Amino acid sequence: MPLLYSAPFTSEDLDILRSALDAWCAEKQIDIRSVEAQFATSTALDLFYQSGHNDHDKLLSALRGRKSL
């Protein structure tokens, strides 16, 4: 069953997600198209919508704090 979110993505949401992921990938020195980045993207989506990390700084901090990444 696909994961459904309560609200659609806005362009601002996508900008926040992409900028946080770009920063995280740059810090980790990994390609945004890598498997690691794909896993981080999935994690970022969960953090953004389910955990309320819905701005760049909160999301990037939460990604940094994830031991599994």
C-alpha atoms as a PDB file:
ATOM      1  CA  MET A   1       0.000   0.000   0.000  1.00  0.00           C
ATOM      2  CA  PRO A   2       1.482   3.395  -0.935  1.00  0.00           C
ATOM      3  CA  LEU A   3       2.136   5.975   1.737  1.00  0.00           C
ATOM      4  CA  LEU A   4      -0.444   8.747   1.528  1.00  0.00           C
ATOM      5  CA  TYR A   5       0.098  12.246   2.848  1.00  0.00           C
ATOM      6  CA  SER A   6      -2.668  14.461   4.129  1.00  0.00           C
ATOM      7  CA  ALA A   7      -1.720  17.450   1.967  1.00  0.00           C
ATOM      8  CA  PRO A   8      -0.182  17.764  -1.499  1.00  0.00           C
ATOM      9  CA  PHE A   9       3.338  19.043  -2.003  1.00  0.00           C
ATOM     10  CA  THR A  10       3.683  22.734  -2.671  1.00  0.00           C
ATOM     11  CA  SER A  11       6.548  24.213  -4.648  1.00  0.00           C
ATOM     12  CA  GLU A  12       7.836  25.673  -1.367  1.00  0.00           C
ATOM     13  CA  ASP A  13       7.802  22.196   0.219  1.00  0.00           C
ATOM     14  CA  LEU A  14       9.813  20.818  -2.681  1.00  0.00           C
ATOM     15  CA  ASP A  15      12.305  23.692  -2.439  1.00  0.00           C
ATOM     16  CA  ILE A  16      12.795  22.992   1.284  1.00  0.00           C
ATOM     17  CA  LEU A  17      13.205  19.262   0.735  1.00  0.00           C
ATOM     18  CA  ARG A  18      15.634  19.711  -2.147  1.00  0.00           C
ATOM     19  CA  SER A  19      17.764  22.356  -0.451  1.00  0.00           C
ATOM     20  CA  ALA A  20      18.080  20.300   2.737  1.00  0.00           C
ATOM     21  CA  LEU A  21      18.943  17.171   0.741  1.00  0.00           C
ATOM     22  CA  ASP A  22      21.474  19.070  -1.375  1.00  0.00           C
ATOM     23  CA  ALA A  23      23.144  20.398   1.784  1.00  0.00           C
ATOM     24  CA  TRP A  24      23.130  16.956   3.431  1.00  0.00           C
ATOM     25  CA  CYS A  25      24.636  15.332   0.327  1.00  0.00           C
ATOM     26  CA  ALA A  26      27.321  18.022   0.093  1.00  0.00           C
ATOM     27  CA  GLU A  27      28.260  17.485   3.743  1.00  0.00           C
ATOM     28  CA  LYS A  28      28.439  13.709   3.247  1.00  0.00           C
ATOM     29  CA  GLN A  29      30.156  14.120  -0.144  1.00  0.00           C
ATOM     30  CA  ILE A  30      27.689  11.834  -1.891  1.00  0.00           C
ATOM     31  CA  ASP A  31      25.940  12.201  -5.237  1.00  0.00           C
ATOM     32  CA  ILE A  32      22.284  13.279  -5.042  1.00  0.00           C
ATOM     33  CA  ARG A  33      21.492  10.392  -7.450  1.00  0.00           C
ATOM     34  CA  SER A  34      23.117   7.724  -5.245  1.00  0.00           C
ATOM     35  CA  VAL A  35      21.333   4.987  -3.331  1.00  0.00           C
ATOM     36  CA  GLU A  36      22.314   6.716  -0.082  1.00  0.00           C
ATOM     37  CA  ALA A  37      20.656   9.940  -1.252  1.00  0.00           C
ATOM     38  CA  GLN A  38      17.528   8.028  -2.259  1.00  0.00           C
ATOM     39  CA  PHE A  39      17.305   6.581   1.247  1.00  0.00           C
ATOM     40  CA  ALA A  40      17.870  10.053   2.718  1.00  0.00           C
ATOM     41  CA  THR A  41      15.088  11.406   0.501  1.00  0.00           C
ATOM     42  CA  SER A  42      12.667   8.838   1.860  1.00  0.00           C
ATOM     43  CA  THR A  43      13.732   9.698   5.387  1.00  0.00           C
ATOM     44  CA  ALA A  44      13.399  13.438   4.671  1.00  0.00           C
ATOM     45  CA  LEU A  45       9.839  12.959   3.425  1.00  0.00           C
ATOM     46  CA  ASP A  46       8.919  11.150   6.624  1.00  0.00           C
ATOM     47  CA  LEU A  47      10.599  13.793   8.766  1.00  0.00           C
ATOM     48  CA  PHE A  48       8.940  16.608   6.840  1.00  0.00           C
ATOM     49  CA  TYR A  49       5.373  15.331   6.904  1.00  0.00           C
ATOM     50  CA  GLN A  50       5.163  13.077   9.922  1.00  0.00           C
ATOM     51  CA  SER A  51       7.570  14.682  12.364  1.00  0.00           C
ATOM     52  CA  GLY A  52       7.034  18.360  11.602  1.00  0.00           C
ATOM     53  CA  HIS A  53      10.550  19.172  10.396  1.00  0.00           C
ATOM     54  CA  ASN A  54       9.090  21.445   7.746  1.00  0.00           C
ATOM     55  CA  ASP A  55      11.726  24.112   7.270  1.00  0.00           C
ATOM     56  CA  HIS A  56      15.244  23.861   5.860  1.00  0.00           C
ATOM     57  CA  ASP A  57      17.142  24.158   9.144  1.00  0.00           C
ATOM     58  CA  LYS A  58      14.906  21.755  11.090  1.00  0.00           C
ATOM     59  CA  LEU A  59      14.963  19.197   8.298  1.00  0.00           C
ATOM     60  CA  LEU A  60      18.714  19.373   7.758  1.00  0.00           C
ATOM     61  CA  SER A  61      19.317  19.076  11.498  1.00  0.00           C
ATOM     62  CA  ALA A  62      17.013  16.063  11.688  1.00  0.00           C
ATOM     63  CA  LEU A  63      18.787  14.406   8.754  1.00  0.00           C
ATOM     64  CA  ARG A  64      22.136  15.015  10.418  1.00  0.00           C
ATOM     65  CA  GLY A  65      20.844  13.398  13.587  1.00  0.00           C
ATOM     66  CA  ARG A  66      19.672  10.203  11.946  1.00  0.00           C
ATOM     67  CA  LYS A  67      22.140   7.453  12.823  1.00  0.00           C
ATOM     68  CA  SER A  68      20.871   5.255   9.998  1.00  0.00           C
ATOM     69  CA  LEU A  69      21.990   7.725   7.315  1.00  0.00           C
END
